[in-house]
């Protein structure tokens, strides 16, 4: 039964565009500033901490692979950059899949 409830809750799930989510967060922050500030801090524009418009990435020459003995490891900044790119691709796939499901 627990698995059935989970499937039912996922059936009604919708993906929202990031700008819509950002606007909803802003409206929540404007309507309940005290509660939001107590929970998350950040002052008047505290909702902005949840959204990234751009990411500064240093050139590759400043992020060379690290050599540890006989092992070569990616620079930590490369790891996190690749992780963000992978997650963005996954979100795109899920949104496309959701749109395709709606069309059928």
PDB file of N, CA and C in Angstrom:
ATOM      1  N   UNK A   1       0.801  -1.207   0.000  1.00  0.00           N
ATOM      2  CA  UNK A   1       0.000   0.000   0.000  1.00  0.00           C
ATOM      3  C   UNK A   1       0.848   1.278   0.000  1.00  0.00           C
ATOM      4  N   UNK A   2       1.969   1.248   0.709  1.00  0.00           N
ATOM      5  CA  UNK A   2       2.795   2.463   0.763  1.00  0.00           C
ATOM      6  C   UNK A   2       3.334   2.807  -0.620  1.00  0.00           C
ATOM      7  N   UNK A   3       3.736   1.793  -1.381  1.00  0.00           N
ATOM      8  CA  UNK A   3       4.237   2.028  -2.734  1.00  0.00           C
ATOM      9  C   UNK A   3       3.164   2.578  -3.646  1.00  0.00           C
ATOM     10  N   UNK A   4       1.925   2.129  -3.453  1.00  0.00           N
ATOM     11  CA  UNK A   4       0.818   2.614  -4.276  1.00  0.00           C
ATOM     12  C   UNK A   4       0.569   4.098  -4.022  1.00  0.00           C
ATOM     13  N   UNK A   5       0.667   4.519  -2.756  1.00  0.00           N
ATOM     14  CA  UNK A   5       0.459   5.927  -2.441  1.00  0.00           C
ATOM     15  C   UNK A   5       1.531   6.780  -3.112  1.00  0.00           C
ATOM     16  N   UNK A   6       2.762   6.280  -3.118  1.00  0.00           N
ATOM     17  CA  UNK A   6       3.849   7.026  -3.739  1.00  0.00           C
ATOM     18  C   UNK A   6       3.609   7.176  -5.236  1.00  0.00           C
ATOM     19  N   UNK A   7       3.161   6.107  -5.893  1.00  0.00           N
ATOM     20  CA  UNK A   7       2.889   6.181  -7.326  1.00  0.00           C
ATOM     21  C   UNK A   7       1.753   7.143  -7.621  1.00  0.00           C
ATOM     22  N   UNK A   8       0.725   7.151  -6.762  1.00  0.00           N
ATOM     23  CA  UNK A   8      -0.396   8.059  -6.968  1.00  0.00           C
ATOM     24  C   UNK A   8       0.033   9.510  -6.806  1.00  0.00           C
ATOM     25  N   UNK A   9       0.918   9.779  -5.861  1.00  0.00           N
ATOM     26  CA  UNK A   9       1.344  11.160  -5.660  1.00  0.00           C
ATOM     27  C   UNK A   9       2.223  11.622  -6.818  1.00  0.00           C
ATOM     28  N   UNK A  10       2.991  10.716  -7.421  1.00  0.00           N
ATOM     29  CA  UNK A  10       3.830  11.085  -8.550  1.00  0.00           C
ATOM     30  C   UNK A  10       3.011  11.288  -9.813  1.00  0.00           C
ATOM     31  N   UNK A  11       1.851  10.645  -9.900  1.00  0.00           N
ATOM     32  CA  UNK A  11       1.029  10.752 -11.104  1.00  0.00           C
ATOM     33  C   UNK A  11       0.558  12.196 -11.317  1.00  0.00           C
ATOM     34  N   UNK A  12       0.329  12.947 -10.244  1.00  0.00           N
ATOM     35  CA  UNK A  12      -0.139  14.323 -10.367  1.00  0.00           C
ATOM     36  C   UNK A  12       0.984  15.345 -10.350  1.00  0.00           C
ATOM     37  N   UNK A  13       2.232  14.889 -10.327  1.00  0.00           N
ATOM     38  CA  UNK A  13       3.371  15.809 -10.245  1.00  0.00           C
ATOM     39  C   UNK A  13       3.509  16.585 -11.550  1.00  0.00           C
ATOM     40  N   UNK A  14       3.871  17.856 -11.408  1.00  0.00           N
ATOM     41  CA  UNK A  14       4.098  18.712 -12.569  1.00  0.00           C
ATOM     42  C   UNK A  14       5.454  19.372 -12.428  1.00  0.00           C
ATOM     43  N   UNK A  15       6.112  19.611 -13.544  1.00  0.00           N
ATOM     44  CA  UNK A  15       7.356  20.352 -13.537  1.00  0.00           C
ATOM     45  C   UNK A  15       7.042  21.796 -13.887  1.00  0.00           C
ATOM     46  N   UNK A  16       7.590  22.709 -13.083  1.00  0.00           N
ATOM     47  CA  UNK A  16       7.375  24.127 -13.316  1.00  0.00           C
ATOM     48  C   UNK A  16       8.659  24.732 -13.870  1.00  0.00           C
ATOM     49  N   UNK A  17       8.515  25.711 -14.731  1.00  0.00           N
ATOM     50  CA  UNK A  17       9.667  26.426 -15.263  1.00  0.00           C
ATOM     51  C   UNK A  17      10.369  27.141 -14.111  1.00  0.00           C
ATOM     52  N   UNK A  18      11.688  27.226 -14.197  1.00  0.00           N
ATOM     53  CA  UNK A  18      12.476  27.835 -13.125  1.00  0.00           C
ATOM     54  C   UNK A  18      12.049  29.275 -12.843  1.00  0.00           C
ATOM     55  N   UNK A  19      11.682  30.019 -13.874  1.00  0.00           N
ATOM     56  CA  UNK A  19      11.254  31.405 -13.655  1.00  0.00           C
ATOM     57  C   UNK A  19       9.945  31.474 -12.878  1.00  0.00           C
ATOM     58  N   UNK A  20       9.065  30.506 -13.114  1.00  0.00           N
ATOM     59  CA  UNK A  20       7.805  30.461 -12.371  1.00  0.00           C
ATOM     60  C   UNK A  20       8.067  30.126 -10.902  1.00  0.00           C
ATOM     61  N   UNK A  21       8.959  29.187 -10.658  1.00  0.00           N
ATOM     62  CA  UNK A  21       9.315  28.832  -9.281  1.00  0.00           C
ATOM     63  C   UNK A  21       9.943  30.028  -8.589  1.00  0.00           C
ATOM     64  N   UNK A  22      10.814  30.738  -9.307  1.00  0.00           N
ATOM     65  CA  UNK A  22      11.462  31.913  -8.731  1.00  0.00           C
ATOM     66  C   UNK A  22      10.429  32.986  -8.380  1.00  0.00           C
ATOM     67  N   UNK A  23       9.469  33.198  -9.257  1.00  0.00           N
ATOM     68  CA  UNK A  23       8.430  34.202  -8.995  1.00  0.00           C
ATOM     69  C   UNK A  23       7.580  33.805  -7.790  1.00  0.00           C
ATOM     70  N   UNK A  24       7.263  32.517  -7.678  1.00  0.00           N
ATOM     71  CA  UNK A  24       6.492  32.042  -6.529  1.00  0.00           C
ATOM     72  C   UNK A  24       7.270  32.258  -5.230  1.00  0.00           C
ATOM     73  N   UNK A  25       8.573  31.991  -5.257  1.00  0.00           N
ATOM     74  CA  UNK A  25       9.403  32.211  -4.075  1.00  0.00           C
ATOM     75  C   UNK A  25       9.428  33.690  -3.712  1.00  0.00           C
ATOM     76  N   UNK A  26       9.535  34.541  -4.729  1.00  0.00           N
ATOM     77  CA  UNK A  26       9.536  35.988  -4.478  1.00  0.00           C
ATOM     78  C   UNK A  26       8.210  36.437  -3.866  1.00  0.00           C
ATOM     79  N   UNK A  27       7.102  35.958  -4.398  1.00  0.00           N
ATOM     80  CA  UNK A  27       5.792  36.324  -3.863  1.00  0.00           C
ATOM     81  C   UNK A  27       5.607  35.824  -2.433  1.00  0.00           C
ATOM     82  N   UNK A  28       6.102  34.626  -2.163  1.00  0.00           N
ATOM     83  CA  UNK A  28       6.043  34.104  -0.791  1.00  0.00           C
ATOM     84  C   UNK A  28       6.852  34.987   0.131  1.00  0.00           C
ATOM     85  N   UNK A  29       8.029  35.394  -0.327  1.00  0.00           N
ATOM     86  CA  UNK A  29       8.895  36.245   0.488  1.00  0.00           C
ATOM     87  C   UNK A  29       8.241  37.607   0.733  1.00  0.00           C
ATOM     88  N   UNK A  30       7.539  38.130  -0.279  1.00  0.00           N
ATOM     89  CA  UNK A  30       6.890  39.425  -0.115  1.00  0.00           C
ATOM     90  C   UNK A  30       5.669  39.348   0.795  1.00  0.00           C
ATOM     91  N   UNK A  31       4.959  38.227   0.753  1.00  0.00           N
ATOM     92  CA  UNK A  31       3.753  38.110   1.570  1.00  0.00           C
ATOM     93  C   UNK A  31       4.057  37.680   3.005  1.00  0.00           C
ATOM     94  N   UNK A  32       5.147  36.957   3.226  1.00  0.00           N
ATOM     95  CA  UNK A  32       5.512  36.492   4.569  1.00  0.00           C
ATOM     96  C   UNK A  32       6.986  36.785   4.861  1.00  0.00           C
ATOM     97  N   UNK A  33       7.379  38.069   4.854  1.00  0.00           N
ATOM     98  CA  UNK A  33       8.802  38.387   4.992  1.00  0.00           C
ATOM     99  C   UNK A  33       9.401  37.974   6.334  1.00  0.00           C
ATOM    100  N   UNK A  34       8.639  38.111   7.403  1.00  0.00           N
ATOM    101  CA  UNK A  34       9.182  37.798   8.728  1.00  0.00           C
ATOM    102  C   UNK A  34       9.503  36.311   8.854  1.00  0.00           C
ATOM    103  N   UNK A  35       8.554  35.473   8.467  1.00  0.00           N
ATOM    104  CA  UNK A  35       8.750  34.025   8.570  1.00  0.00           C
ATOM    105  C   UNK A  35       9.896  33.579   7.669  1.00  0.00           C
ATOM    106  N   UNK A  36       9.913  34.060   6.433  1.00  0.00           N
ATOM    107  CA  UNK A  36      10.965  33.672   5.495  1.00  0.00           C
ATOM    108  C   UNK A  36      12.341  34.124   5.986  1.00  0.00           C
ATOM    109  N   UNK A  37      12.389  35.338   6.540  1.00  0.00           N
ATOM    110  CA  UNK A  37      13.664  35.844   7.042  1.00  0.00           C
ATOM    111  C   UNK A  37      14.135  35.034   8.242  1.00  0.00           C
ATOM    112  N   UNK A  38      13.210  34.631   9.105  1.00  0.00           N
ATOM    113  CA  UNK A  38      13.584  33.806  10.256  1.00  0.00           C
ATOM    114  C   UNK A  38      14.087  32.433   9.817  1.00  0.00           C
ATOM    115  N   UNK A  39      13.442  31.865   8.818  1.00  0.00           N
ATOM    116  CA  UNK A  39      13.829  30.528   8.362  1.00  0.00           C
ATOM    117  C   UNK A  39      15.113  30.525   7.539  1.00  0.00           C
ATOM    118  N   UNK A  40      15.243  31.485   6.618  1.00  0.00           N
ATOM    119  CA  UNK A  40      16.334  31.441   5.655  1.00  0.00           C
ATOM    120  C   UNK A  40      17.297  32.615   5.724  1.00  0.00           C
ATOM    121  N   UNK A  41      16.906  33.711   6.365  1.00  0.00           N
ATOM    122  CA  UNK A  41      17.751  34.894   6.395  1.00  0.00           C
ATOM    123  C   UNK A  41      17.791  35.563   5.038  1.00  0.00           C
ATOM    124  N   UNK A  42      18.713  36.454   4.859  1.00  0.00           N
ATOM    125  CA  UNK A  42      18.880  37.059   3.541  1.00  0.00           C
ATOM    126  C   UNK A  42      18.210  38.401   3.386  1.00  0.00           C
ATOM    127  N   UNK A  43      17.431  38.834   4.355  1.00  0.00           N
ATOM    128  CA  UNK A  43      16.822  40.158   4.273  1.00  0.00           C
ATOM    129  C   UNK A  43      15.717  40.265   3.242  1.00  0.00           C
ATOM    130  N   UNK A  44      15.600  41.463   2.646  1.00  0.00           N
ATOM    131  CA  UNK A  44      14.495  41.778   1.742  1.00  0.00           C
ATOM    132  C   UNK A  44      14.472  40.897   0.490  1.00  0.00           C
ATOM    133  N   UNK A  45      15.634  40.626  -0.083  1.00  0.00           N
ATOM    134  CA  UNK A  45      15.713  39.819  -1.303  1.00  0.00           C
ATOM    135  C   UNK A  45      16.258  38.422  -1.010  1.00  0.00           C
ATOM    136  N   UNK A  46      15.900  37.877   0.132  1.00  0.00           N
ATOM    137  CA  UNK A  46      16.431  36.589   0.556  1.00  0.00           C
ATOM    138  C   UNK A  46      16.093  35.434  -0.357  1.00  0.00           C
ATOM    139  N   UNK A  47      15.010  35.530  -1.092  1.00  0.00           N
ATOM    140  CA  UNK A  47      14.613  34.452  -1.999  1.00  0.00           C
ATOM    141  C   UNK A  47      15.630  34.220  -3.096  1.00  0.00           C
ATOM    142  N   UNK A  48      16.481  35.212  -3.367  1.00  0.00           N
ATOM    143  CA  UNK A  48      17.477  35.089  -4.440  1.00  0.00           C
ATOM    144  C   UNK A  48      18.561  34.062  -4.127  1.00  0.00           C
ATOM    145  N   UNK A  49      18.702  33.677  -2.852  1.00  0.00           N
ATOM    146  CA  UNK A  49      19.750  32.709  -2.509  1.00  0.00           C
ATOM    147  C   UNK A  49      19.482  31.338  -3.113  1.00  0.00           C
ATOM    148  N   UNK A  50      18.266  31.077  -3.540  1.00  0.00           N
ATOM    149  CA  UNK A  50      17.907  29.769  -4.081  1.00  0.00           C
ATOM    150  C   UNK A  50      18.091  29.668  -5.595  1.00  0.00           C
ATOM    151  N   UNK A  51      18.441  30.769  -6.268  1.00  0.00           N
ATOM    152  CA  UNK A  51      18.492  30.788  -7.722  1.00  0.00           C
ATOM    153  C   UNK A  51      19.823  31.354  -8.207  1.00  0.00           C
ATOM    154  N   UNK A  52      20.392  30.704  -9.217  1.00  0.00           N
ATOM    155  CA  UNK A  52      21.670  31.125  -9.787  1.00  0.00           C
ATOM    156  C   UNK A  52      21.439  31.517 -11.242  1.00  0.00           C
ATOM    157  N   UNK A  53      21.811  32.718 -11.591  1.00  0.00           N
ATOM    158  CA  UNK A  53      21.656  33.203 -12.966  1.00  0.00           C
ATOM    159  C   UNK A  53      22.871  32.845 -13.815  1.00  0.00           C
ATOM    160  N   UNK A  54      24.042  32.924 -13.225  1.00  0.00           N
ATOM    161  CA  UNK A  54      25.255  32.600 -13.967  1.00  0.00           C
ATOM    162  C   UNK A  54      26.288  32.022 -13.004  1.00  0.00           C
ATOM    163  N   UNK A  55      27.215  31.281 -13.576  1.00  0.00           N
ATOM    164  CA  UNK A  55      28.258  30.649 -12.787  1.00  0.00           C
ATOM    165  C   UNK A  55      29.597  31.064 -13.370  1.00  0.00           C
ATOM    166  N   UNK A  56      30.435  31.635 -12.548  1.00  0.00           N
ATOM    167  CA  UNK A  56      31.771  32.018 -12.998  1.00  0.00           C
ATOM    168  C   UNK A  56      32.662  30.783 -12.961  1.00  0.00           C
ATOM    169  N   UNK A  57      33.284  30.493 -14.078  1.00  0.00           N
ATOM    170  CA  UNK A  57      34.165  29.332 -14.180  1.00  0.00           C
ATOM    171  C   UNK A  57      35.530  29.815 -14.644  1.00  0.00           C
ATOM    172  N   UNK A  58      36.568  29.557 -13.851  1.00  0.00           N
ATOM    173  CA  UNK A  58      37.905  29.963 -14.287  1.00  0.00           C
ATOM    174  C   UNK A  58      38.349  29.150 -15.498  1.00  0.00           C
ATOM    175  N   UNK A  59      39.238  29.692 -16.305  1.00  0.00           N
ATOM    176  CA  UNK A  59      39.732  28.948 -17.473  1.00  0.00           C
ATOM    177  C   UNK A  59      40.369  27.617 -17.066  1.00  0.00           C
ATOM    178  N   UNK A  60      40.378  26.690 -18.000  1.00  0.00           N
ATOM    179  CA  UNK A  60      40.897  25.345 -17.740  1.00  0.00           C
ATOM    180  C   UNK A  60      42.328  25.354 -17.221  1.00  0.00           C
ATOM    181  N   UNK A  61      43.114  26.295 -17.679  1.00  0.00           N
ATOM    182  CA  UNK A  61      44.525  26.304 -17.248  1.00  0.00           C
ATOM    183  C   UNK A  61      44.660  26.550 -15.743  1.00  0.00           C
ATOM    184  N   UNK A  62      43.617  27.128 -15.132  1.00  0.00           N
ATOM    185  CA  UNK A  62      43.637  27.353 -13.688  1.00  0.00           C
ATOM    186  C   UNK A  62      42.952  26.216 -12.922  1.00  0.00           C
ATOM    187  N   UNK A  63      42.484  25.207 -13.653  1.00  0.00           N
ATOM    188  CA  UNK A  63      41.849  24.040 -13.030  1.00  0.00           C
ATOM    189  C   UNK A  63      42.476  22.753 -13.572  1.00  0.00           C
ATOM    190  N   UNK A  64      43.782  22.625 -13.479  1.00  0.00           N
ATOM    191  CA  UNK A  64      44.423  21.431 -14.049  1.00  0.00           C
ATOM    192  C   UNK A  64      44.115  20.181 -13.215  1.00  0.00           C
ATOM    193  N   UNK A  65      44.252  19.007 -13.839  1.00  0.00           N
ATOM    194  CA  UNK A  65      44.076  17.771 -13.070  1.00  0.00           C
ATOM    195  C   UNK A  65      45.148  17.671 -11.985  1.00  0.00           C
ATOM    196  N   UNK A  66      44.797  17.037 -10.887  1.00  0.00           N
ATOM    197  CA  UNK A  66      45.736  16.848  -9.782  1.00  0.00           C
ATOM    198  C   UNK A  66      46.303  15.437  -9.873  1.00  0.00           C
ATOM    199  N   UNK A  67      47.599  15.318  -9.649  1.00  0.00           N
ATOM    200  CA  UNK A  67      48.252  14.011  -9.684  1.00  0.00           C
ATOM    201  C   UNK A  67      48.540  13.590  -8.252  1.00  0.00           C
ATOM    202  N   UNK A  68      47.972  12.447  -7.869  1.00  0.00           N
ATOM    203  CA  UNK A  68      48.189  11.893  -6.540  1.00  0.00           C
ATOM    204  C   UNK A  68      48.871  10.538  -6.699  1.00  0.00           C
ATOM    205  N   UNK A  69      50.179  10.530  -6.610  1.00  0.00           N
ATOM    206  CA  UNK A  69      50.928   9.295  -6.826  1.00  0.00           C
ATOM    207  C   UNK A  69      50.793   8.866  -8.274  1.00  0.00           C
ATOM    208  N   UNK A  70      50.243   7.663  -8.494  1.00  0.00           N
ATOM    209  CA  UNK A  70      50.052   7.149  -9.847  1.00  0.00           C
ATOM    210  C   UNK A  70      48.662   7.470 -10.383  1.00  0.00           C
ATOM    211  N   UNK A  71      47.881   8.172  -9.604  1.00  0.00           N
ATOM    212  CA  UNK A  71      46.488   8.442  -9.963  1.00  0.00           C
ATOM    213  C   UNK A  71      46.308   9.916 -10.337  1.00  0.00           C
ATOM    214  N   UNK A  72      45.560  10.156 -11.395  1.00  0.00           N
ATOM    215  CA  UNK A  72      45.229  11.522 -11.807  1.00  0.00           C
ATOM    216  C   UNK A  72      43.762  11.773 -11.499  1.00  0.00           C
ATOM    217  N   UNK A  73      43.501  12.886 -10.816  1.00  0.00           N
ATOM    218  CA  UNK A  73      42.145  13.217 -10.374  1.00  0.00           C
ATOM    219  C   UNK A  73      41.754  14.580 -10.929  1.00  0.00           C
ATOM    220  N   UNK A  74      40.502  14.701 -11.336  1.00  0.00           N
ATOM    221  CA  UNK A  74      39.999  16.002 -11.810  1.00  0.00           C
ATOM    222  C   UNK A  74      40.067  17.031 -10.692  1.00  0.00           C
ATOM    223  N   UNK A  75      40.266  18.260 -11.069  1.00  0.00           N
ATOM    224  CA  UNK A  75      40.233  19.369 -10.115  1.00  0.00           C
ATOM    225  C   UNK A  75      38.831  19.446  -9.503  1.00  0.00           C
ATOM    226  N   UNK A  76      38.737  19.826  -8.252  1.00  0.00           N
ATOM    227  CA  UNK A  76      37.449  19.868  -7.550  1.00  0.00           C
ATOM    228  C   UNK A  76      36.442  20.763  -8.270  1.00  0.00           C
ATOM    229  N   UNK A  77      36.887  21.893  -8.814  1.00  0.00           N
ATOM    230  CA  UNK A  77      35.962  22.783  -9.516  1.00  0.00           C
ATOM    231  C   UNK A  77      35.398  22.106 -10.763  1.00  0.00           C
ATOM    232  N   UNK A  78      36.202  21.295 -11.438  1.00  0.00           N
ATOM    233  CA  UNK A  78      35.701  20.557 -12.601  1.00  0.00           C
ATOM    234  C   UNK A  78      34.635  19.557 -12.176  1.00  0.00           C
ATOM    235  N   UNK A  79      34.849  18.908 -11.048  1.00  0.00           N
ATOM    236  CA  UNK A  79      33.881  17.933 -10.561  1.00  0.00           C
ATOM    237  C   UNK A  79      32.520  18.587 -10.340  1.00  0.00           C
ATOM    238  N   UNK A  80      32.505  19.710  -9.632  1.00  0.00           N
ATOM    239  CA  UNK A  80      31.236  20.378  -9.334  1.00  0.00           C
ATOM    240  C   UNK A  80      30.602  20.974 -10.588  1.00  0.00           C
ATOM    241  N   UNK A  81      31.409  21.498 -11.491  1.00  0.00           N
ATOM    242  CA  UNK A  81      30.884  22.019 -12.750  1.00  0.00           C
ATOM    243  C   UNK A  81      30.241  20.891 -13.550  1.00  0.00           C
ATOM    244  N   UNK A  82      30.923  19.762 -13.676  1.00  0.00           N
ATOM    245  CA  UNK A  82      30.359  18.614 -14.392  1.00  0.00           C
ATOM    246  C   UNK A  82      29.088  18.103 -13.728  1.00  0.00           C
ATOM    247  N   UNK A  83      29.057  18.122 -12.409  1.00  0.00           N
ATOM    248  CA  UNK A  83      27.864  17.675 -11.679  1.00  0.00           C
ATOM    249  C   UNK A  83      26.677  18.595 -11.993  1.00  0.00           C
ATOM    250  N   UNK A  84      26.897  19.904 -12.000  1.00  0.00           N
ATOM    251  CA  UNK A  84      25.816  20.844 -12.316  1.00  0.00           C
ATOM    252  C   UNK A  84      25.337  20.672 -13.748  1.00  0.00           C
ATOM    253  N   UNK A  85      26.266  20.490 -14.674  1.00  0.00           N
ATOM    254  CA  UNK A  85      25.875  20.288 -16.070  1.00  0.00           C
ATOM    255  C   UNK A  85      25.084  18.995 -16.239  1.00  0.00           C
ATOM    256  N   UNK A  86      25.504  17.942 -15.567  1.00  0.00           N
ATOM    257  CA  UNK A  86      24.796  16.662 -15.627  1.00  0.00           C
ATOM    258  C   UNK A  86      23.386  16.790 -15.060  1.00  0.00           C
ATOM    259  N   UNK A  87      23.258  17.464 -13.921  1.00  0.00           N
ATOM    260  CA  UNK A  87      21.933  17.637 -13.310  1.00  0.00           C
ATOM    261  C   UNK A  87      21.025  18.500 -14.185  1.00  0.00           C
ATOM    262  N   UNK A  88      21.579  19.528 -14.822  1.00  0.00           N
ATOM    263  CA  UNK A  88      20.771  20.349 -15.733  1.00  0.00           C
ATOM    264  C   UNK A  88      20.275  19.527 -16.914  1.00  0.00           C
ATOM    265  N   UNK A  89      21.155  18.674 -17.452  1.00  0.00           N
ATOM    266  CA  UNK A  89      20.732  17.793 -18.548  1.00  0.00           C
ATOM    267  C   UNK A  89      19.634  16.853 -18.092  1.00  0.00           C
ATOM    268  N   UNK A  90      19.751  16.334 -16.889  1.00  0.00           N
ATOM    269  CA  UNK A  90      18.732  15.421 -16.347  1.00  0.00           C
ATOM    270  C   UNK A  90      17.387  16.137 -16.188  1.00  0.00           C
ATOM    271  N   UNK A  91      17.418  17.372 -15.717  1.00  0.00           N
ATOM    272  CA  UNK A  91      16.178  18.149 -15.579  1.00  0.00           C
ATOM    273  C   UNK A  91      15.545  18.363 -16.947  1.00  0.00           C
ATOM    274  N   UNK A  92      16.367  18.705 -17.950  1.00  0.00           N
ATOM    275  CA  UNK A  92      15.844  18.876 -19.308  1.00  0.00           C
ATOM    276  C   UNK A  92      15.182  17.601 -19.815  1.00  0.00           C
ATOM    277  N   UNK A  93      15.825  16.455 -19.566  1.00  0.00           N
ATOM    278  CA  UNK A  93      15.261  15.172 -19.989  1.00  0.00           C
ATOM    279  C   UNK A  93      13.915  14.917 -19.318  1.00  0.00           C
ATOM    280  N   UNK A  94      13.828  15.195 -18.024  1.00  0.00           N
ATOM    281  CA  UNK A  94      12.582  14.970 -17.295  1.00  0.00           C
ATOM    282  C   UNK A  94      11.470  15.886 -17.799  1.00  0.00           C
ATOM    283  N   UNK A  95      11.807  17.134 -18.079  1.00  0.00           N
ATOM    284  CA  UNK A  95      10.807  18.067 -18.585  1.00  0.00           C
ATOM    285  C   UNK A  95      10.338  17.626 -19.967  1.00  0.00           C
ATOM    286  N   UNK A  96      11.263  17.221 -20.829  1.00  0.00           N
ATOM    287  CA  UNK A  96      10.908  16.747 -22.160  1.00  0.00           C
ATOM    288  C   UNK A  96      10.037  15.500 -22.070  1.00  0.00           C
ATOM    289  N   UNK A  97      10.413  14.591 -21.181  1.00  0.00           N
ATOM    290  CA  UNK A  97       9.632  13.368 -20.979  1.00  0.00           C
ATOM    291  C   UNK A  97       8.229  13.707 -20.483  1.00  0.00           C
ATOM    292  N   UNK A  98       8.129  14.662 -19.576  1.00  0.00           N
ATOM    293  CA  UNK A  98       6.833  15.082 -19.056  1.00  0.00           C
ATOM    294  C   UNK A  98       5.978  15.681 -20.156  1.00  0.00           C
ATOM    295  N   UNK A  99       6.608  16.523 -21.013  1.00  0.00           N
ATOM    296  CA  UNK A  99       5.870  17.128 -22.130  1.00  0.00           C
ATOM    297  C   UNK A  99       5.395  16.067 -23.109  1.00  0.00           C
ATOM    298  N   UNK A 100       6.247  15.063 -23.375  1.00  0.00           N
ATOM    299  CA  UNK A 100       5.869  13.983 -24.283  1.00  0.00           C
ATOM    300  C   UNK A 100       4.714  13.174 -23.709  1.00  0.00           C
ATOM    301  N   UNK A 101       4.741  12.939 -22.399  1.00  0.00           N
ATOM    302  CA  UNK A 101       3.658  12.187 -21.752  1.00  0.00           C
ATOM    303  C   UNK A 101       2.337  12.933 -21.838  1.00  0.00           C
ATOM    304  N   UNK A 102       2.401  14.261 -21.706  1.00  0.00           N
ATOM    305  CA  UNK A 102       1.195  15.074 -21.791  1.00  0.00           C
ATOM    306  C   UNK A 102       0.611  15.059 -23.217  1.00  0.00           C
ATOM    307  N   UNK A 103       1.522  15.042 -24.202  1.00  0.00           N
ATOM    308  CA  UNK A 103       1.081  15.053 -25.600  1.00  0.00           C
ATOM    309  C   UNK A 103       0.382  13.752 -25.984  1.00  0.00           C
ATOM    310  N   UNK A 104       0.742  12.664 -25.337  1.00  0.00           N
ATOM    311  CA  UNK A 104       0.128  11.373 -25.662  1.00  0.00           C
ATOM    312  C   UNK A 104      -1.168  11.279 -24.948  1.00  0.00           C
TER     313      UNK A 104
END
